[in-house]
Amino acid sequence: MLKKIIFVVVLLIIPANQVYAYDTYNDHILNGGVGDYGNNKRYYYLTSSAVDEELKIKEAMGDWIYTTERTGITTPISIRETSFQSLSSFDFYKDQYWPVEMGVLGDTLHYRYSSQVDEEYENWGWTKVRLNGANYDINSYWVQKATIAHEMGHAMGLDHVGNTYAIMYSSADKANVNKAGVDDLNGINHLY
């Protein structure tokens, strides 16, 4: 009887927002992976429309790559910037893709060759990360970086989750973090 009471008490003191999980696009992935610890280098490319976001993109990318000391989790991610778009697996764009009233900060499109694919049903070879101009610009540096990190998660194969302490929370501007956390990284390790 005492064991049951202790178990119930422990369950009651664990906050509900500490439930951890990740979600994927039915385990579909970026063909060629996310870098294999530097053995298979992957690249991102900044289009002329996104060059003003370079520092935030580098910081967000670094937060995905250099995780061991911060979280205790190592992932195979090894993605670097390139000046050759033909080498890129992740292209960054910035323009007004969605109406302001929709509140969309960014989105990610997945492609196989030159055709867009539905990531729920097939793997992809490269992605377009699109930052949504005016909506993105009115937010703080913190939210802008969270948006970039969130969209990078989509580009690597992670879908939305309901945990506000995960970068893959469905609304980057409402998340309580601006970089990948334990759940997000476990999702990458599950996929790659």
Protein backbone atom coordinates (compact mmCIF):
# COMPACT_ATOMS: atom_id res chain seq x y z
CA MET A 1 0.00 0.00 0.00
CA LEU A 2 2.83 2.43 0.90
CA LYS A 3 4.51 1.80 -2.52
CA LYS A 4 1.27 2.73 -4.32
CA ILE A 5 0.96 5.97 -2.35
CA ILE A 6 4.58 6.95 -3.05
CA PHE A 7 4.11 6.21 -6.77
CA VAL A 8 0.97 8.36 -6.92
CA VAL A 9 2.70 11.23 -5.09
CA VAL A 10 5.66 11.11 -7.50
CA LEU A 11 3.29 11.22 -10.48
CA LEU A 12 1.49 14.23 -9.06
CA ILE A 13 4.64 16.33 -8.60
CA ILE A 14 5.96 15.87 -12.16
CA PRO A 15 4.77 18.93 -14.14
CA ALA A 16 2.63 18.19 -17.17
CA ASN A 17 4.86 20.29 -19.46
CA GLN A 18 7.78 17.94 -18.81
CA VAL A 19 6.38 15.21 -21.07
CA TYR A 20 9.01 14.69 -23.74
CA ALA A 21 8.55 13.41 -27.25
CA TYR A 22 9.40 14.01 -30.88
CA ASP A 23 7.46 13.45 -34.06
CA THR A 24 8.65 12.70 -37.58
CA TYR A 25 7.15 12.60 -41.05
CA ASN A 26 6.44 8.87 -40.82
CA ASP A 27 10.21 8.37 -40.48
CA HIS A 28 10.91 9.84 -43.93
CA ILE A 29 14.29 11.51 -44.15
CA LEU A 30 16.66 13.70 -46.09
CA ASN A 31 18.41 11.43 -48.60
CA GLY A 32 22.09 11.23 -47.70
CA GLY A 33 21.48 12.08 -44.05
CA VAL A 34 22.50 15.11 -42.01
CA GLY A 35 26.27 14.78 -42.08
CA ASP A 36 27.26 11.52 -40.38
CA TYR A 37 29.50 13.25 -37.78
CA GLY A 38 31.36 15.13 -40.51
CA ASN A 39 32.11 12.08 -42.67
CA ASN A 40 29.39 13.06 -45.13
CA LYS A 41 29.39 16.84 -45.19
CA ARG A 42 26.06 18.56 -45.83
CA TYR A 43 25.65 22.22 -46.73
CA TYR A 44 23.24 25.11 -46.47
CA TYR A 45 23.05 28.06 -48.81
CA LEU A 46 21.89 31.62 -48.19
CA THR A 47 20.09 33.11 -51.17
CA SER A 48 20.48 36.86 -51.71
CA SER A 49 17.09 37.39 -50.06
CA ALA A 50 18.31 35.82 -46.79
CA VAL A 51 21.86 37.17 -46.42
CA ASP A 52 20.78 39.60 -43.67
CA GLU A 53 19.87 36.56 -41.55
CA GLU A 54 23.33 34.99 -41.82
CA LEU A 55 24.33 35.40 -38.16
CA LYS A 56 21.05 33.98 -36.83
CA ILE A 57 21.22 31.08 -39.28
CA LYS A 58 24.81 30.29 -38.24
CA GLU A 59 23.84 30.43 -34.56
CA ALA A 60 20.76 28.26 -35.04
CA MET A 61 22.75 25.75 -37.10
CA GLY A 62 25.50 25.69 -34.47
CA ASP A 63 22.90 24.96 -31.80
CA TRP A 64 21.77 21.90 -33.79
CA ILE A 65 25.34 20.70 -34.34
CA TYR A 66 27.15 21.37 -31.05
CA THR A 67 24.86 19.70 -28.53
CA THR A 68 26.91 17.27 -26.46
CA GLU A 69 28.11 19.69 -23.79
CA ARG A 70 24.77 21.51 -23.55
CA THR A 71 22.39 18.51 -23.54
CA GLY A 72 24.54 15.41 -23.17
CA ILE A 73 23.29 14.20 -26.56
CA THR A 74 25.45 13.86 -29.65
CA THR A 75 23.85 13.79 -33.09
CA PRO A 76 25.37 13.02 -36.52
CA ILE A 77 24.54 16.55 -37.76
CA SER A 78 27.38 18.18 -39.69
CA ILE A 79 26.08 21.02 -41.86
CA ARG A 80 28.18 23.93 -43.10
CA GLU A 81 27.54 26.99 -45.22
CA THR A 82 28.44 26.91 -48.90
CA SER A 83 28.62 29.59 -51.55
CA PHE A 84 27.58 27.04 -54.21
CA GLN A 85 23.83 26.45 -54.24
CA SER A 86 24.30 23.26 -56.25
CA LEU A 87 26.01 21.68 -53.19
CA SER A 88 23.28 22.69 -50.77
CA SER A 89 20.69 20.49 -49.07
CA PHE A 90 19.14 23.46 -47.24
CA ASP A 91 18.45 26.72 -49.10
CA PHE A 92 17.34 29.77 -47.11
CA TYR A 93 15.00 32.38 -48.62
CA LYS A 94 13.24 35.41 -47.21
CA ASP A 95 10.21 37.09 -48.75
CA GLN A 96 6.50 37.58 -48.00
CA TYR A 97 5.19 34.09 -48.84
CA TRP A 98 2.08 34.17 -46.64
CA PRO A 99 -0.35 37.04 -45.90
CA VAL A 100 0.59 39.01 -42.78
CA GLU A 101 -2.76 38.30 -41.14
CA MET A 102 -2.01 34.56 -41.14
CA GLY A 103 0.90 35.11 -38.74
CA VAL A 104 3.19 32.55 -40.43
CA LEU A 105 6.87 33.19 -39.60
CA GLY A 106 8.36 30.57 -41.92
CA ASP A 107 7.88 27.26 -43.66
CA THR A 108 9.92 24.49 -45.20
CA LEU A 109 9.37 22.87 -48.58
CA HIS A 110 10.84 19.45 -49.37
CA TYR A 111 12.07 18.49 -52.85
CA ARG A 112 13.25 15.47 -54.74
CA TYR A 113 15.17 16.73 -57.74
CA SER A 114 13.11 19.71 -58.94
CA SER A 115 9.71 18.45 -57.76
CA GLN A 116 8.21 19.28 -54.41
CA VAL A 117 7.27 16.19 -52.40
CA ASP A 118 4.96 15.47 -49.50
CA GLU A 119 7.40 14.63 -46.73
CA GLU A 120 4.78 12.44 -45.03
CA TYR A 121 5.01 9.97 -47.95
CA GLU A 122 8.54 10.06 -49.33
CA ASN A 123 12.12 11.06 -48.68
CA TRP A 124 13.58 14.27 -50.11
CA GLY A 125 16.91 15.44 -51.48
CA TRP A 126 16.91 19.12 -50.55
CA THR A 127 14.77 21.77 -48.90
CA LYS A 128 13.76 25.42 -49.14
CA VAL A 129 13.52 27.14 -45.78
CA ARG A 130 11.38 30.24 -46.33
CA LEU A 131 11.34 33.04 -43.77
CA ASN A 132 8.12 34.97 -44.10
CA GLY A 133 9.19 38.63 -44.44
CA ALA A 134 7.08 41.09 -42.43
CA ASN A 135 5.78 38.48 -39.98
CA TYR A 136 9.30 37.25 -39.26
CA ASP A 137 10.80 40.78 -39.11
CA ILE A 138 8.47 42.15 -36.41
CA ASN A 139 9.66 39.54 -33.91
CA SER A 140 12.61 39.66 -31.54
CA TYR A 141 16.03 38.21 -32.34
CA TRP A 142 15.16 35.34 -29.98
CA VAL A 143 11.98 34.45 -31.91
CA GLN A 144 13.69 34.86 -35.29
CA LYS A 145 16.43 32.43 -34.24
CA ALA A 146 13.78 30.03 -32.89
CA THR A 147 11.97 30.20 -36.24
CA ILE A 148 15.16 29.32 -38.13
CA ALA A 149 15.97 26.45 -35.77
CA HIS A 150 12.38 25.19 -36.00
CA GLU A 151 12.42 25.22 -39.80
CA MET A 152 15.80 23.43 -39.81
CA GLY A 153 14.15 20.70 -37.75
CA HIS A 154 11.52 20.32 -40.49
CA ALA A 155 14.24 20.24 -43.15
CA MET A 156 15.91 17.35 -41.31
CA GLY A 157 12.67 15.41 -40.85
CA LEU A 158 11.02 16.51 -37.61
CA ASP A 159 7.34 17.37 -37.43
CA HIS A 160 5.44 19.51 -34.90
CA VAL A 161 4.98 18.49 -31.28
CA GLY A 162 2.79 19.84 -28.49
CA ASN A 163 5.62 20.41 -25.99
CA THR A 164 6.39 24.15 -25.61
CA TYR A 165 9.90 23.22 -24.41
CA ALA A 166 10.82 21.64 -27.77
CA ILE A 167 11.99 23.70 -30.74
CA MET A 168 9.50 21.71 -32.83
CA TYR A 169 6.53 23.12 -30.92
CA SER A 170 3.94 24.03 -33.53
CA SER A 171 4.45 27.79 -33.13
CA ALA A 172 8.05 28.98 -32.81
CA ASP A 173 7.02 32.35 -31.41
CA LYS A 174 5.10 30.63 -28.59
CA ALA A 175 7.83 28.11 -27.71
CA ASN A 176 9.80 28.49 -24.50
CA VAL A 177 13.12 27.76 -26.24
CA ASN A 178 15.06 29.02 -29.26
CA LYS A 179 17.28 26.00 -29.88
CA ALA A 180 16.97 22.25 -30.20
CA GLY A 181 16.50 20.39 -26.95
CA VAL A 182 16.70 16.80 -25.79
CA ASP A 183 13.51 15.67 -27.53
CA ASP A 184 14.43 17.34 -30.80
CA LEU A 185 17.89 15.77 -30.76
CA ASN A 186 16.51 12.35 -29.87
CA GLY A 187 14.27 12.70 -32.92
CA ILE A 188 17.30 13.32 -35.14
CA ASN A 189 19.09 10.32 -33.65
CA HIS A 190 16.00 8.19 -34.26
CA LEU A 191 15.96 9.22 -37.94
CA TYR A 192 19.70 9.13 -38.67
